[in-house]
Amino acid sequence: MSVQRCPKCAAITTESVLSAESEGAEIARHDNFSALEQSAAKGCDLCQLLRQYLIHHAPAEPDTQTKVEDIKQSITISRPKGYKALVLRMGPITCPIHDGNSSAASKNGKEALSDTKPIHRFTVKSCESDNNELVKEVIRPWIDRCFLSTAVKDSPDDLHKYCIMRKTSVTFPRKNDIPPLPTRVIDVGLNNQTPYLRVRQPWTPRNEYEMGPDCAQYLILSYCWGRNNEAAKTTRANLQERMDKLDVSSLPKTIRDAIQLTKALGERYLFVDAVCIVQPSDGDNRDWMEEAPRMGNYYGNALCTIAATGAEDSSDGCFQERTAEQFPVASCALSAWVTMEKTETMYIHPSTPLWWNAVINSPLYRRGWAIQERALSPRILHWTAHALYWECSGMRASEYRPGGLHLEESEFVHGNLQKEVHMNLRSMLNYSRNEVLCWAWYRLIERYCWTHFTYTSDKLIALSGIARRVNLYYPDQYNAGLWSENSVEGLAWHTRWYETGGPQRPTTYIAPSWSWASVDAIVKFVVVNIYRWEWLATVVKIIMTAPTSSNGQSQSGSIESRRHWRDRGGRRNQSVDNNLYGPISGGVLEIEGIVRDFRFSVEPKSSDPACLYYASPTTTATRWGSASAEIVLLDAPWEAGQLSSRTFRCLLLGRRKNPLGSSPAVLGYLVLEATGQKPNQYHRVGWSEVLESDYDILLREAARESVSIV
């Protein structure tokens, strides 16, 4: 071979890979990442390729002293049947060296590179030219094709058919697809004009087609504030100054990059929340309270969302240097294996970043507000640490594969789409009403509860835009994160202590105890699993109360469960939307079902103090008092002494169906404690699943009660 390789890489040959009797042949590793980089800098092409792969696929970019085995424990090349691809073994994880679209190892040196374009480096010197080149060759064509396909009636563009279907959900007056501007936007200053904060002029349309003076296309930024976003904030003190002139140089790098990109695209307006919303100060939060509920519409109406997906802080920027591209890697040919029958040569190809790692597991989507921002945006530019990605309702693409992957043709992408059903509102068009308001909605909530908030009080309002959009498709009463039609299913949740270190109830009121939003924890809904449930309780009514407004009045409403939303002709009932999507001050749920008195033992299950063994019912009835031990999951910590000394009322919510039809039955209970304020009024403290051998007798003979939960 003409290529000079380090001794460790020179030992990796075609023969060692193809003739290995075990699963694979282990790669001799350098002691740490710094040693690997030094070898790559000296010209070892295989070290350059492995370095690139580690940066693309490590959970966090390794520093110079990180041991390679600490990143992924061990690296092994192995060969599956047919020698079609090499796989990388990383400790307990084995995965193909590819991004789901092309094999990274083959017997052809050009096979995997035919449809892959180079990734721009975005160094300090090349940043502006890299951005301009991407705008011209990739970004503008992405936006124009998607937008024009939705603007032309009966568009033949099958690739963006989901984008066209999504367009039917818009809720604002529009003409020629030009939406109204947000209350304030940044005028970025095209043609060397001075940037400033533009305020929308008051305007009331005379009809649904009239376009006002402040209807225009705009871009919008989705990003992590982090700890360095103070300079971005608009307050009452600097509002007038920014309306006259906005000092762009004083803003954090992420916002400066977004302004630069907006100008490069030839667009005039950009919305950035910290700049365009007057931030609360000295107890004055009036503007934030007015603007926060509009955020869903702002993202849904924008031409495109600029997402600083790979930035943990607003100081990191959208345009980050792609360190994986430091060396110009190419396919590496292993030394040939010559036998009497034939000569074989294996190639290892350069890696590309994984969508799942770069976008889904990014810093941005650990932020609670970003879930709504992504779900409602018609088009998104994901600026990650390794590459630029595109996402719309019809296509995902990247700068290295700008043609993208057709969602219906790619099993790989379609699989991830199902995992992200909560993020893709186009999925609602493929499911029934019950599937959307129950299964898909609670999957969304499960994902949402993994995210973090600077202010836990934002939990409901940061979801309000998605809730409003769901209500457009399937009108229903919305109650603190639950839909009336599936209220019983929405009550069947429990915390996942073993993944969070212990849930807590916020010190400030967020939601009633029966709502998942009442706890700071990851939650799991029993309806979102492989088991089917028969629901045995009935929600009678729910009364929600809004916070007291500035005029001293509050709004509340009472609704009946299982509300009918279609007229006799089967048409959707477009009733007035009076739901409380944002903050609430109270909520009472009246529910009817079988109620039993239980006591808990204090013995923990395994080493988890949250999972307690269920003891026996304290009821005196003998014919159906045969419940056996099972776990109880509490919503918040309790002292062992408190648990053992109390009797809790438990309401039978449902029975998990056994496909084999055998007993005992698994029954799901809400664990309740009396508030002591009103008779028969309780608050929720947990969820219990109990084995009951006399289920049929219990269901036939036990009396039903009506209780209120607050």
Foldseek 3Di string as FASTA:
>chain_A
DPFDADPQVLPDFPCQAVVDPDQFAFGDADQAQLVLVVRVVVRHQVSLQVLLLLCQPFLHGDDNGHGPCNRQVTWTWHADPPSAATWTHRPPDIDFQAQQPAGQKHLDQCRRQPQFDDFDFLDVVCVLVNLLVCLVPFVVVVLVVLVVQLLDPPRPPPLNVLLNVVVVLADAQEASLFGAAPQWWWQLAAPNGFIAIDGDDDDDDPDSHDDDPRTHAEEEEQEAAPDPQPQQAAAPVCRVVRRVGDDLVSGAQAVNQVSSSCNSNVHGTYDYPRNRFHPDDPNDCVRVVVCLLCVLVNQLSHSEYEYLQADLHSNCHLRAGQVSPPDPHGKDKGHWDDDPVDITIMIGGRYARHCCSFHVVHNSLLALLVLSSQLNHQKYWHRGSHFIWIDHLRFIATPGRSVTDGCVVRPVNVVVCVLVVLRHPSVVVVDDLCCVQAQSLVSNVLSSLSHDYPDLLFNQSSCLSVVVSNCSVPNAADALSHGLQCVLQQQQKFFDCVVPVFKDFDPDQRHFQSGPSRINGRMDGPCNDPWDWDWFKAWAKKKFKADQDPVRDIDIDIDGGNDDQADPVRDGRPDDDPYDRHGTDYMKIKMKAFKFKFAFQQDADPPDNQWTWGDWTPDPDDLFRPKHIDTKGWRGDDDNVVRRVDIWMWGFTIWTDDPVPDFDIWTKIFTWDAPVPDPQETETTTMTIIGTNNVVCCVVPGDMDMGMYD
